[in-house]
Amino acid sequence: MLTLTIPLQQIDDEFATEISDLVLKNKGNVNVYIHVVDESSPNKVKLFSRQHRLKINTEVYRKLKKAREAGQLEFQVNQN
């Protein structure tokens, strides 16, 4: 299971396209959960992708790590 925690303020068309492309180009068997949090309020939304699963490979890990270092998201990989 991959959980992405993304601040609402970081989401724009470019970021959404990057995440979508990452998932679509790396199909696998890992469930993807996305938690969108609003940094200026206690509001948050939890989303689950039923149709798309991800393959965690070196390329995916590097892109997620780069996004984390840029402050765009946090991520956690867990085994079910």
C-alpha atoms as a PDB file:
ATOM      1  CA  MET A   1       0.000   0.000   0.000  1.00  0.00           C
ATOM      2  CA  LEU A   2       1.254   3.472  -0.921  1.00  0.00           C
ATOM      3  CA  THR A   3      -0.135   6.455   0.947  1.00  0.00           C
ATOM      4  CA  LEU A   4       0.487   9.929  -0.459  1.00  0.00           C
ATOM      5  CA  THR A   5      -0.226  12.893   1.794  1.00  0.00           C
ATOM      6  CA  ILE A   6      -0.528  16.014  -0.330  1.00  0.00           C
ATOM      7  CA  PRO A   7      -1.161  19.573   0.873  1.00  0.00           C
ATOM      8  CA  LEU A   8      -4.094  21.089  -1.006  1.00  0.00           C
ATOM      9  CA  GLN A   9      -1.963  24.151  -1.715  1.00  0.00           C
ATOM     10  CA  GLN A  10       0.491  22.005  -3.737  1.00  0.00           C
ATOM     11  CA  ILE A  11      -2.110  20.654  -6.137  1.00  0.00           C
ATOM     12  CA  ASP A  12      -2.286  22.291  -9.537  1.00  0.00           C
ATOM     13  CA  ASP A  13      -2.790  20.967 -13.077  1.00  0.00           C
ATOM     14  CA  GLU A  14       0.902  20.174 -13.569  1.00  0.00           C
ATOM     15  CA  PHE A  15       1.218  18.304 -10.258  1.00  0.00           C
ATOM     16  CA  ALA A  16      -1.987  16.318 -10.868  1.00  0.00           C
ATOM     17  CA  THR A  17      -0.750  15.354 -14.339  1.00  0.00           C
ATOM     18  CA  GLU A  18       2.614  14.209 -12.937  1.00  0.00           C
ATOM     19  CA  ILE A  19       0.974  11.978 -10.318  1.00  0.00           C
ATOM     20  CA  SER A  20      -1.503  10.574 -12.855  1.00  0.00           C
ATOM     21  CA  ASP A  21       1.269   9.826 -15.356  1.00  0.00           C
ATOM     22  CA  LEU A  22       3.359   8.170 -12.646  1.00  0.00           C
ATOM     23  CA  VAL A  23       0.532   5.791 -11.763  1.00  0.00           C
ATOM     24  CA  LEU A  24      -0.565   5.092 -15.345  1.00  0.00           C
ATOM     25  CA  LYS A  25       2.974   4.403 -16.605  1.00  0.00           C
ATOM     26  CA  ASN A  26       3.888   2.112 -13.693  1.00  0.00           C
ATOM     27  CA  LYS A  27       0.961  -0.272 -13.365  1.00  0.00           C
ATOM     28  CA  GLY A  28       1.379  -2.899 -10.703  1.00  0.00           C
ATOM     29  CA  ASN A  29      -0.307  -4.405  -7.664  1.00  0.00           C
ATOM     30  CA  VAL A  30       0.209  -1.772  -4.928  1.00  0.00           C
ATOM     31  CA  ASN A  31      -2.940   0.021  -3.754  1.00  0.00           C
ATOM     32  CA  VAL A  32      -2.722   3.822  -3.839  1.00  0.00           C
ATOM     33  CA  TYR A  33      -4.290   6.028  -1.162  1.00  0.00           C
ATOM     34  CA  ILE A  34      -4.185   9.803  -1.380  1.00  0.00           C
ATOM     35  CA  HIS A  35      -4.779  12.050   1.621  1.00  0.00           C
ATOM     36  CA  VAL A  36      -5.329  15.682   0.669  1.00  0.00           C
ATOM     37  CA  VAL A  37      -4.854  18.033   3.613  1.00  0.00           C
ATOM     38  CA  ASP A  38      -5.628  21.728   3.856  1.00  0.00           C
ATOM     39  CA  GLU A  39      -2.749  23.350   5.738  1.00  0.00           C
ATOM     40  CA  SER A  40      -4.865  26.366   6.680  1.00  0.00           C
ATOM     41  CA  SER A  41      -7.717  24.375   8.246  1.00  0.00           C
ATOM     42  CA  PRO A  42      -8.345  20.973   9.837  1.00  0.00           C
ATOM     43  CA  ASN A  43     -10.039  19.739   6.646  1.00  0.00           C
ATOM     44  CA  LYS A  44      -8.763  16.650   4.864  1.00  0.00           C
ATOM     45  CA  VAL A  45     -10.014  14.203   2.254  1.00  0.00           C
ATOM     46  CA  LYS A  46      -8.980  10.570   1.931  1.00  0.00           C
ATOM     47  CA  LEU A  47      -9.106   9.055  -1.559  1.00  0.00           C
ATOM     48  CA  PHE A  48      -8.534   5.496  -2.763  1.00  0.00           C
ATOM     49  CA  SER A  49      -7.832   4.427  -6.331  1.00  0.00           C
ATOM     50  CA  ARG A  50      -9.957   1.361  -7.073  1.00  0.00           C
ATOM     51  CA  GLN A  51      -9.049   1.107 -10.762  1.00  0.00           C
ATOM     52  CA  HIS A  52      -5.331   1.858 -10.689  1.00  0.00           C
ATOM     53  CA  ARG A  53      -2.534   0.194  -8.784  1.00  0.00           C
ATOM     54  CA  LEU A  54       1.131   1.095  -8.838  1.00  0.00           C
ATOM     55  CA  LYS A  55       4.388  -0.779  -9.253  1.00  0.00           C
ATOM     56  CA  ILE A  56       6.976   0.524  -6.791  1.00  0.00           C
ATOM     57  CA  ASN A  57      10.252   0.496  -8.696  1.00  0.00           C
ATOM     58  CA  THR A  58      13.397   2.620  -8.571  1.00  0.00           C
ATOM     59  CA  GLU A  59      11.987   5.270 -10.916  1.00  0.00           C
ATOM     60  CA  VAL A  60       8.776   5.655  -8.897  1.00  0.00           C
ATOM     61  CA  TYR A  61      10.671   5.813  -5.608  1.00  0.00           C
ATOM     62  CA  ARG A  62      13.062   8.468  -6.948  1.00  0.00           C
ATOM     63  CA  LYS A  63      10.192  10.627  -8.229  1.00  0.00           C
ATOM     64  CA  LEU A  64       8.325  10.360  -4.934  1.00  0.00           C
ATOM     65  CA  LYS A  65      11.489  11.131  -2.978  1.00  0.00           C
ATOM     66  CA  LYS A  66      12.197  14.170  -5.185  1.00  0.00           C
ATOM     67  CA  ALA A  67       8.634  15.439  -4.654  1.00  0.00           C
ATOM     68  CA  ARG A  68       9.012  14.949  -0.884  1.00  0.00           C
ATOM     69  CA  GLU A  69      12.287  16.889  -0.883  1.00  0.00           C
ATOM     70  CA  ALA A  70      10.540  19.707  -2.799  1.00  0.00           C
ATOM     71  CA  GLY A  71       7.831  19.811  -0.100  1.00  0.00           C
ATOM     72  CA  GLN A  72       5.102  18.688  -2.505  1.00  0.00           C
ATOM     73  CA  LEU A  73       4.057  15.549  -0.652  1.00  0.00           C
ATOM     74  CA  GLU A  74       4.806  12.951   1.984  1.00  0.00           C
ATOM     75  CA  PHE A  75       4.626   9.258   1.232  1.00  0.00           C
ATOM     76  CA  GLN A  76       4.610   5.988   3.076  1.00  0.00           C
ATOM     77  CA  VAL A  77       4.911   2.462   1.693  1.00  0.00           C
ATOM     78  CA  ASN A  78       3.405  -0.335   3.793  1.00  0.00           C
ATOM     79  CA  GLN A  79       2.877  -4.017   3.231  1.00  0.00           C
ATOM     80  CA  ASN A  80      -0.711  -5.215   3.595  1.00  0.00           C
END
